[in-house]
Amino acid sequence: MNVFADTLRRIAERVEGTRAVSLVGVDGIPIDTYGPGEGVSVESVAAEMGSFVKSNRPLDGGAVQQLCLVTDGGKAILSRVTEEYYLLLLLTREGNFGRGRFELKKAALALEKELL
């Protein structure tokens, strides 16, 4: 198993309520995905959130580090790995949001070395 797939699998195993977790480019195209993403398209969520990241800059002009979306049907967390890559975690409505953010941050630090 490659380092990306292994990292995604570990995130899914550690975060309760994970639907899918994916390494995506800032263009919204998934590089690698773990989990079925039941009831939601990983590709469409990645594209929408990637589009938002590319078109919006925070007040200080820096890069978006994390973007969270909570809907009636579930939660999505996009977390920056490098300037070009993000981790996307899709959770059920009851999914562990705090643990998800924590695991994405840890994984991003590890994956950054692989992507630079």
Protein backbone atom coordinates (compact mmCIF):
# COMPACT_ATOMS: atom_id res chain seq x y z
CA MET A 1 0.00 0.00 0.00
CA ASN A 2 1.37 3.47 -0.81
CA VAL A 3 1.90 6.20 1.78
CA PHE A 4 -1.16 8.18 0.62
CA ALA A 5 -3.57 5.24 0.79
CA ASP A 6 -2.16 4.16 4.16
CA THR A 7 -2.54 7.66 5.61
CA LEU A 8 -6.12 7.97 4.36
CA ARG A 9 -7.02 4.56 5.78
CA ARG A 10 -5.60 5.49 9.21
CA ILE A 11 -7.63 8.71 9.28
CA ALA A 12 -10.82 6.81 8.43
CA GLU A 13 -10.13 4.24 11.14
CA ARG A 14 -9.49 6.90 13.80
CA VAL A 15 -12.41 9.23 13.10
CA GLU A 16 -15.86 7.99 14.02
CA GLY A 17 -18.46 8.61 11.33
CA THR A 18 -16.07 8.83 8.37
CA ARG A 19 -17.80 8.44 5.00
CA ALA A 20 -14.67 9.03 2.93
CA VAL A 21 -11.31 10.74 3.11
CA SER A 22 -9.39 11.95 0.08
CA LEU A 23 -6.19 13.69 -0.95
CA VAL A 24 -7.25 16.30 -3.49
CA GLY A 25 -5.56 18.91 -5.63
CA VAL A 26 -6.54 22.55 -5.23
CA ASP A 27 -8.35 22.08 -8.55
CA GLY A 28 -10.69 19.65 -6.76
CA ILE A 29 -9.47 16.50 -8.50
CA PRO A 30 -9.00 13.59 -6.05
CA ILE A 31 -5.52 12.02 -6.11
CA ASP A 32 -6.44 9.12 -3.82
CA THR A 33 -9.59 8.27 -1.85
CA TYR A 34 -10.43 5.85 0.95
CA GLY A 35 -14.01 4.89 1.74
CA PRO A 36 -17.17 4.63 -0.32
CA GLY A 37 -18.50 8.12 0.36
CA GLU A 38 -21.99 6.69 0.80
CA GLY A 39 -24.67 9.10 -0.34
CA VAL A 40 -22.26 11.84 -1.39
CA SER A 41 -19.89 12.38 -4.31
CA VAL A 42 -16.32 12.95 -3.11
CA GLU A 43 -15.50 14.47 -6.49
CA SER A 44 -18.28 17.06 -6.41
CA VAL A 45 -17.58 18.13 -2.82
CA ALA A 46 -13.84 18.37 -3.61
CA ALA A 47 -14.52 20.45 -6.71
CA GLU A 48 -16.83 22.86 -4.88
CA MET A 49 -14.54 23.32 -1.90
CA GLY A 50 -11.47 23.59 -4.14
CA SER A 51 -13.18 26.29 -6.14
CA PHE A 52 -13.91 28.22 -2.96
CA VAL A 53 -10.28 27.96 -1.81
CA LYS A 54 -8.95 29.20 -5.16
CA SER A 55 -11.34 32.15 -5.39
CA ASN A 56 -11.22 33.38 -1.78
CA ARG A 57 -8.40 34.77 0.29
CA PRO A 58 -8.76 35.49 4.02
CA LEU A 59 -8.51 39.04 5.29
CA ASP A 60 -4.77 38.73 5.92
CA GLY A 61 -4.14 37.53 2.35
CA GLY A 62 -2.81 34.14 3.47
CA ALA A 63 -3.79 30.71 2.21
CA VAL A 64 -6.87 28.88 3.50
CA GLN A 65 -5.64 26.39 6.11
CA GLN A 66 -8.93 24.69 6.84
CA LEU A 67 -12.46 24.94 5.52
CA CYS A 68 -15.42 23.30 7.24
CA LEU A 69 -18.90 22.79 5.85
CA VAL A 70 -21.77 21.52 7.99
CA THR A 71 -25.10 20.62 6.40
CA ASP A 72 -28.21 18.76 7.52
CA GLY A 73 -26.82 15.60 5.91
CA GLY A 74 -23.21 15.64 7.06
CA LYS A 75 -19.93 17.47 7.51
CA ALA A 76 -16.94 18.14 5.28
CA ILE A 77 -13.52 19.34 6.37
CA LEU A 78 -10.88 20.49 3.89
CA SER A 79 -7.41 20.81 5.42
CA ARG A 80 -4.31 22.22 3.67
CA VAL A 81 -1.29 19.96 3.15
CA THR A 82 0.68 22.15 0.71
CA GLU A 83 -0.13 25.06 -1.57
CA GLU A 84 -1.44 22.59 -4.17
CA TYR A 85 -2.90 19.75 -2.06
CA TYR A 86 -5.60 19.36 0.57
CA LEU A 87 -7.10 16.53 2.61
CA LEU A 88 -10.87 16.22 2.43
CA LEU A 89 -12.78 14.37 5.14
CA LEU A 90 -16.48 13.62 4.68
CA LEU A 91 -18.36 12.73 7.86
CA THR A 92 -21.85 11.61 8.73
CA ARG A 93 -24.04 14.02 10.64
CA GLU A 94 -22.97 12.37 13.90
CA GLY A 95 -19.30 12.11 12.90
CA ASN A 96 -16.60 13.25 15.32
CA PHE A 97 -15.81 16.73 13.98
CA GLY A 98 -13.08 17.64 16.50
CA ARG A 99 -11.24 14.35 16.10
CA GLY A 100 -11.49 14.75 12.33
CA ARG A 101 -9.83 18.16 12.40
CA PHE A 102 -7.09 16.83 14.69
CA GLU A 103 -6.34 13.77 12.54
CA LEU A 104 -6.27 15.85 9.34
CA LYS A 105 -3.77 18.26 10.88
CA LYS A 106 -1.49 15.39 11.95
CA ALA A 107 -1.73 13.71 8.55
CA ALA A 108 -1.09 16.99 6.72
CA LEU A 109 2.20 17.45 8.56
CA ALA A 110 3.29 13.92 7.60
CA LEU A 111 2.15 14.13 3.98
CA GLU A 112 3.72 17.52 3.39
CA LYS A 113 7.17 15.87 3.30
CA GLU A 114 5.97 13.41 0.66
CA LEU A 115 4.50 16.09 -1.59
CA LEU A 116 7.33 18.63 -1.56
